C-alpha atoms as a PDB file:
ATOM      1  CA  MET A   1      13.129  44.244  -5.698  1.00  0.00           C
ATOM      2  CA  THR A   2      14.605  44.491  -2.510  1.00  0.00           C
ATOM      3  CA  ILE A   3      13.813  41.936   0.281  1.00  0.00           C
ATOM      4  CA  ILE A   4      12.977  43.748   3.583  1.00  0.00           C
ATOM      5  CA  SER A   5      13.456  42.269   7.036  1.00  0.00           C
ATOM      6  CA  GLY A   6      13.751  38.525   5.603  1.00  0.00           C
ATOM      7  CA  TRP A   7      10.206  38.692   3.899  1.00  0.00           C
ATOM      8  CA  VAL A   8      10.088  37.097   0.550  1.00  0.00           C
ATOM      9  CA  PRO A   9       7.076  37.693  -1.625  1.00  0.00           C
ATOM     10  CA  ALA A  10       6.346  34.547  -3.287  1.00  0.00           C
ATOM     11  CA  SER A  11       6.649  35.877  -6.745  1.00  0.00           C
ATOM     12  CA  VAL A  12      10.488  36.516  -6.170  1.00  0.00           C
ATOM     13  CA  SER A  13      12.458  33.933  -7.743  1.00  0.00           C
ATOM     14  CA  PRO A  14      15.473  32.138  -5.833  1.00  0.00           C
ATOM     15  CA  GLU A  15      18.110  33.780  -8.353  1.00  0.00           C
ATOM     16  CA  GLU A  16      16.231  37.304  -7.583  1.00  0.00           C
ATOM     17  CA  ALA A  17      16.346  36.847  -3.674  1.00  0.00           C
ATOM     18  CA  ARG A  18      20.009  36.070  -4.054  1.00  0.00           C
ATOM     19  CA  ARG A  19      20.833  39.014  -6.289  1.00  0.00           C
ATOM     20  CA  ASP A  20      19.194  41.107  -3.559  1.00  0.00           C
ATOM     21  CA  ALA A  21      21.074  39.683  -0.699  1.00  0.00           C
ATOM     22  CA  GLN A  22      24.272  40.203  -2.674  1.00  0.00           C
ATOM     23  CA  ALA A  23      23.468  43.873  -3.390  1.00  0.00           C
ATOM     24  CA  THR A  24      22.579  44.364   0.218  1.00  0.00           C
ATOM     25  CA  ARG A  25      25.564  42.921   1.271  1.00  0.00           C
ATOM     26  CA  ALA A  26      27.745  44.825  -1.267  1.00  0.00           C
ATOM     27  CA  ARG A  27      25.917  48.295  -0.142  1.00  0.00           C
ATOM     28  CA  VAL A  28      27.003  47.398   3.668  1.00  0.00           C
ATOM     29  CA  GLU A  29      30.557  46.704   2.658  1.00  0.00           C
ATOM     30  CA  LEU A  30      30.556  50.013   0.654  1.00  0.00           C
ATOM     31  CA  GLN A  31      29.083  52.001   3.377  1.00  0.00           C
ATOM     32  CA  ASP A  32      31.776  50.348   5.678  1.00  0.00           C
ATOM     33  CA  LEU A  33      34.557  51.701   3.237  1.00  0.00           C
ATOM     34  CA  ALA A  34      32.842  55.054   3.060  1.00  0.00           C
ATOM     35  CA  ASN A  35      32.944  55.430   6.839  1.00  0.00           C
ATOM     36  CA  LEU A  36      36.643  54.653   6.782  1.00  0.00           C
ATOM     37  CA  ARG A  37      37.338  57.068   4.198  1.00  0.00           C
ATOM     38  CA  PHE A  38      35.278  59.624   6.004  1.00  0.00           C
ATOM     39  CA  VAL A  39      36.920  58.857   9.064  1.00  0.00           C
ATOM     40  CA  ALA A  40      40.560  59.100   7.540  1.00  0.00           C
ATOM     41  CA  ALA A  41      39.597  62.323   5.485  1.00  0.00           C
ATOM     42  CA  ASN A  42      38.716  63.801   8.979  1.00  0.00           C
ATOM     43  CA  GLU A  43      42.082  62.573  10.784  1.00  0.00           C
ATOM     44  CA  ALA A  44      43.930  64.009   7.886  1.00  0.00           C
ATOM     45  CA  ARG A  45      42.789  67.444   9.152  1.00  0.00           C
ATOM     46  CA  LYS A  46      45.056  69.368  11.405  1.00  0.00           C
ATOM     47  CA  VAL A  47      43.932  69.497  15.282  1.00  0.00           C
ATOM     48  CA  GLY A  48      42.457  73.048  15.830  1.00  0.00           C
ATOM     49  CA  ASP A  49      41.140  73.163  12.056  1.00  0.00           C
ATOM     50  CA  PRO A  50      37.180  74.043  12.631  1.00  0.00           C
ATOM     51  CA  ASP A  51      36.236  71.728   9.897  1.00  0.00           C
ATOM     52  CA  ARG A  52      37.913  68.678  12.111  1.00  0.00           C
ATOM     53  CA  LEU A  53      35.091  66.642  13.739  1.00  0.00           C
ATOM     54  CA  THR A  54      34.955  65.317  17.295  1.00  0.00           C
ATOM     55  CA  GLN A  55      34.538  61.671  17.564  1.00  0.00           C
ATOM     56  CA  ARG A  56      30.989  62.530  18.927  1.00  0.00           C
ATOM     57  CA  ASP A  57      30.392  64.691  15.774  1.00  0.00           C
ATOM     58  CA  ILE A  58      31.563  61.402  13.809  1.00  0.00           C
ATOM     59  CA  HIS A  59      29.241  59.491  15.744  1.00  0.00           C
ATOM     60  CA  GLU A  60      26.365  61.789  14.924  1.00  0.00           C
ATOM     61  CA  VAL A  61      26.944  62.122  11.010  1.00  0.00           C
ATOM     62  CA  LEU A  62      27.500  58.161  10.326  1.00  0.00           C
ATOM     63  CA  GLY A  63      24.912  57.077  12.928  1.00  0.00           C
ATOM     64  CA  VAL A  64      27.228  54.650  14.472  1.00  0.00           C
ATOM     65  CA  SER A  65      28.187  54.017  18.124  1.00  0.00           C
ATOM     66  CA  GLN A  66      31.058  56.130  19.583  1.00  0.00           C
ATOM     67  CA  PRO A  67      33.217  52.718  20.243  1.00  0.00           C
ATOM     68  CA  GLU A  68      32.328  52.079  16.509  1.00  0.00           C
ATOM     69  CA  VAL A  69      33.832  55.443  15.893  1.00  0.00           C
ATOM     70  CA  SER A  70      37.052  54.430  17.815  1.00  0.00           C
ATOM     71  CA  ARG A  71      37.356  50.959  16.179  1.00  0.00           C
ATOM     72  CA  ILE A  72      36.982  52.698  12.610  1.00  0.00           C
ATOM     73  CA  LEU A  73      40.032  55.311  13.931  1.00  0.00           C
ATOM     74  CA  ARG A  74      42.002  52.022  14.752  1.00  0.00           C
ATOM     75  CA  ARG A  75      41.415  50.404  11.517  1.00  0.00           C
ATOM     76  CA  VAL A  76      42.333  53.761   9.832  1.00  0.00           C
ATOM     77  CA  ARG A  77      45.378  54.209  11.742  1.00  0.00           C
ATOM     78  CA  VAL A  78      46.741  50.727  11.505  1.00  0.00           C
ATOM     79  CA  ALA A  79      45.802  49.657   8.174  1.00  0.00           C
ATOM     80  CA  PRO A  80      45.716  52.959   5.970  1.00  0.00           C
ATOM     81  CA  ASP A  81      46.099  50.921   3.064  1.00  0.00           C
ATOM     82  CA  LEU A  82      42.160  49.804   3.629  1.00  0.00           C
ATOM     83  CA  LEU A  83      41.546  53.093   1.910  1.00  0.00           C
ATOM     84  CA  GLU A  84      43.032  52.326  -1.341  1.00  0.00           C
ATOM     85  CA  ARG A  85      40.705  50.973  -4.124  1.00  0.00           C
ATOM     86  CA  THR A  86      40.608  47.338  -4.937  1.00  0.00           C
ATOM     87  CA  PRO A  87      39.315  44.897  -7.343  1.00  0.00           C
ATOM     88  CA  ARG A  88      36.613  43.908  -4.887  1.00  0.00           C
ATOM     89  CA  GLU A  89      35.218  47.539  -4.479  1.00  0.00           C
ATOM     90  CA  VAL A  90      34.778  47.702  -8.436  1.00  0.00           C
ATOM     91  CA  VAL A  91      33.159  44.346  -8.401  1.00  0.00           C
ATOM     92  CA  LEU A  92      30.977  45.605  -5.649  1.00  0.00           C
ATOM     93  CA  LEU A  93      30.133  48.956  -7.510  1.00  0.00           C
ATOM     94  CA  ARG A  94      29.044  46.755 -10.325  1.00  0.00           C
ATOM     95  CA  THR A  95      26.962  44.559  -7.707  1.00  0.00           C
ATOM     96  CA  ILE A  96      24.821  47.601  -6.677  1.00  0.00           C
ATOM     97  CA  GLY A  97      24.529  49.285 -10.353  1.00  0.00           C
ATOM     98  CA  LYS A  98      26.838  52.208  -9.488  1.00  0.00           C
ATOM     99  CA  ILE A  99      28.674  51.128 -12.510  1.00  0.00           C
ATOM    100  CA  GLY A 100      27.773  48.747 -15.540  1.00  0.00           C
ATOM    101  CA  THR A 101      29.606  45.619 -16.482  1.00  0.00           C
ATOM    102  CA  GLU A 102      31.294  47.063 -19.395  1.00  0.00           C
ATOM    103  CA  GLU A 103      33.045  49.357 -17.208  1.00  0.00           C
ATOM    104  CA  MET A 104      33.657  46.995 -14.552  1.00  0.00           C
ATOM    105  CA  LEU A 105      35.656  45.059 -17.133  1.00  0.00           C
ATOM    106  CA  ARG A 106      37.517  47.735 -18.434  1.00  0.00           C
ATOM    107  CA  ILE A 107      38.658  48.745 -15.060  1.00  0.00           C
ATOM    108  CA  LEU A 108      39.632  45.131 -14.085  1.00  0.00           C
ATOM    109  CA  THR A 109      41.243  44.087 -17.195  1.00  0.00           C
ATOM    110  CA  GLU A 110      43.242  47.170 -17.001  1.00  0.00           C
ATOM    111  CA  TRP A 111      44.117  46.442 -13.149  1.00  0.00           C
ATOM    112  CA  PRO A 112      47.704  46.403 -11.981  1.00  0.00           C
ATOM    113  CA  TYR A 113      47.480  43.118  -9.954  1.00  0.00           C
ATOM    114  CA  THR A 114      49.373  41.666  -7.641  1.00  0.00           C
ATOM    115  CA  PHE A 115      49.283  38.036  -7.064  1.00  0.00           C
ATOM    116  CA  GLY A 116      49.460  35.720  -4.151  1.00  0.00           C
ATOM    117  CA  SER A 117      52.147  33.676  -2.829  1.00  0.00           C
ATOM    118  CA  HIS A 118      53.712  31.640  -0.124  1.00  0.00           C
ATOM    119  CA  GLU A 119      56.063  33.422   1.891  1.00  0.00           C
ATOM    120  CA  ASP A 120      58.555  30.645   2.535  1.00  0.00           C
ATOM    121  CA  VAL A 121      58.825  28.986  -0.802  1.00  0.00           C
ATOM    122  CA  ASP A 122      61.807  27.148   0.191  1.00  0.00           C
ATOM    123  CA  ASN A 123      60.133  25.558   2.794  1.00  0.00           C
ATOM    124  CA  PRO A 124      57.465  23.068   1.003  1.00  0.00           C
ATOM    125  CA  LEU A 125      55.602  22.600   4.350  1.00  0.00           C
ATOM    126  CA  SER A 126      54.986  26.405   4.943  1.00  0.00           C
ATOM    127  CA  GLU A 127      51.171  27.027   4.811  1.00  0.00           C
ATOM    128  CA  ALA A 128      51.832  30.954   5.209  1.00  0.00           C
ATOM    129  CA  TYR A 129      49.787  32.363   2.302  1.00  0.00           C
ATOM    130  CA  VAL A 130      50.150  36.106   1.151  1.00  0.00           C
ATOM    131  CA  PRO A 131      47.051  36.821  -0.900  1.00  0.00           C
ATOM    132  CA  GLY A 132      47.591  39.459  -3.927  1.00  0.00           C
ATOM    133  CA  ASP A 133      44.694  41.668  -5.042  1.00  0.00           C
ATOM    134  CA  PHE A 134      44.120  39.171  -7.674  1.00  0.00           C
ATOM    135  CA  ASP A 135      42.519  36.936  -5.193  1.00  0.00           C
ATOM    136  CA  GLN A 136      39.876  39.388  -4.708  1.00  0.00           C
ATOM    137  CA  ILE A 137      38.484  38.211  -8.685  1.00  0.00           C
ATOM    138  CA  GLY A 138      38.647  34.550  -7.573  1.00  0.00           C
ATOM    139  CA  GLU A 139      36.537  35.348  -4.590  1.00  0.00           C
ATOM    140  CA  SER A 140      33.855  37.243  -6.277  1.00  0.00           C
ATOM    141  CA  VAL A 141      33.556  34.347  -8.415  1.00  0.00           C
ATOM    142  CA  ARG A 142      32.965  32.152  -5.956  1.00  0.00           C
ATOM    143  CA  GLY A 143      30.598  34.504  -4.118  1.00  0.00           C
ATOM    144  CA  GLY A 144      28.685  34.915  -7.384  1.00  0.00           C
ATOM    145  CA  LEU A 145      29.642  38.308  -7.973  1.00  0.00           C
ATOM    146  CA  LEU A 146      31.495  37.652 -11.375  1.00  0.00           C
ATOM    147  CA  SER A 147      30.650  35.097 -13.728  1.00  0.00           C
ATOM    148  CA  GLU A 148      32.987  32.619 -15.143  1.00  0.00           C
ATOM    149  CA  ALA A 149      33.107  34.359 -18.571  1.00  0.00           C
ATOM    150  CA  GLU A 150      33.965  37.703 -16.864  1.00  0.00           C
ATOM    151  CA  TYR A 151      36.584  36.023 -14.659  1.00  0.00           C
ATOM    152  CA  ASN A 152      38.063  34.520 -18.027  1.00  0.00           C
ATOM    153  CA  GLN A 153      38.396  37.607 -19.433  1.00  0.00           C
ATOM    154  CA  ILE A 154      39.966  39.218 -16.645  1.00  0.00           C
ATOM    155  CA  ARG A 155      42.414  36.578 -16.022  1.00  0.00           C
ATOM    156  CA  SER A 156      43.384  36.416 -19.650  1.00  0.00           C
ATOM    157  CA  ALA A 157      44.220  40.354 -19.617  1.00  0.00           C
ATOM    158  CA  ALA A 158      46.005  39.771 -16.162  1.00  0.00           C
ATOM    159  CA  GLY A 159      47.918  37.064 -17.374  1.00  0.00           C
ATOM    160  CA  ALA A 160      49.072  38.647 -20.400  1.00  0.00           C
ATOM    161  CA  ARG A 161      50.602  41.547 -18.292  1.00  0.00           C
ATOM    162  CA  GLU A 162      52.078  39.283 -15.960  1.00  0.00           C
ATOM    163  CA  ALA A 163      54.032  37.626 -18.688  1.00  0.00           C
ATOM    164  CA  ASP A 164      54.907  40.681 -20.360  1.00  0.00           C
ATOM    165  CA  ALA A 165      56.515  41.773 -16.884  1.00  0.00           C
ATOM    166  CA  ALA A 166      58.154  38.665 -16.671  1.00  0.00           C
ATOM    167  CA  THR A 167      59.550  39.135 -19.992  1.00  0.00           C
ATOM    168  CA  VAL A 168      60.856  42.650 -19.395  1.00  0.00           C
ATOM    169  CA  VAL A 169      62.648  41.541 -16.104  1.00  0.00           C
ATOM    170  CA  GLY A 170      63.661  38.111 -17.392  1.00  0.00           C
END
């Protein structure tokens, strides 16, 4: 059941309301990503290409303000890595039902994770932490999008690959 405008029918359990709220948030985040990718694909077209859209056209297609189109363009230009698929995106796709749990776990247990680290390991007072994409898995558990069992399965597979890589390097 989808909640509309904050109205929650009495028959909706707190758990169902929480799942609906998570799905709504996931849809918004995925739509933002789709907008970024749409704008990036448009930007990749050469100037003069008849299929290349103006900011005004993008504003109309996406249904966002022209200042928002400018912000999206800036994000695409400054951080093109935002366009890459992430573990979070995979979790969000499961959250809205686009993929099932089995497919999500297959993808996430095979993911070539990067792991977060402190930039200045020689300085014990340094608080600069550079997150890796495995941090998105922990965030998904804390946000209620992954269960502890799913996290453990993903962590186990990622840890095995990390150990294998260390053995090859070491």
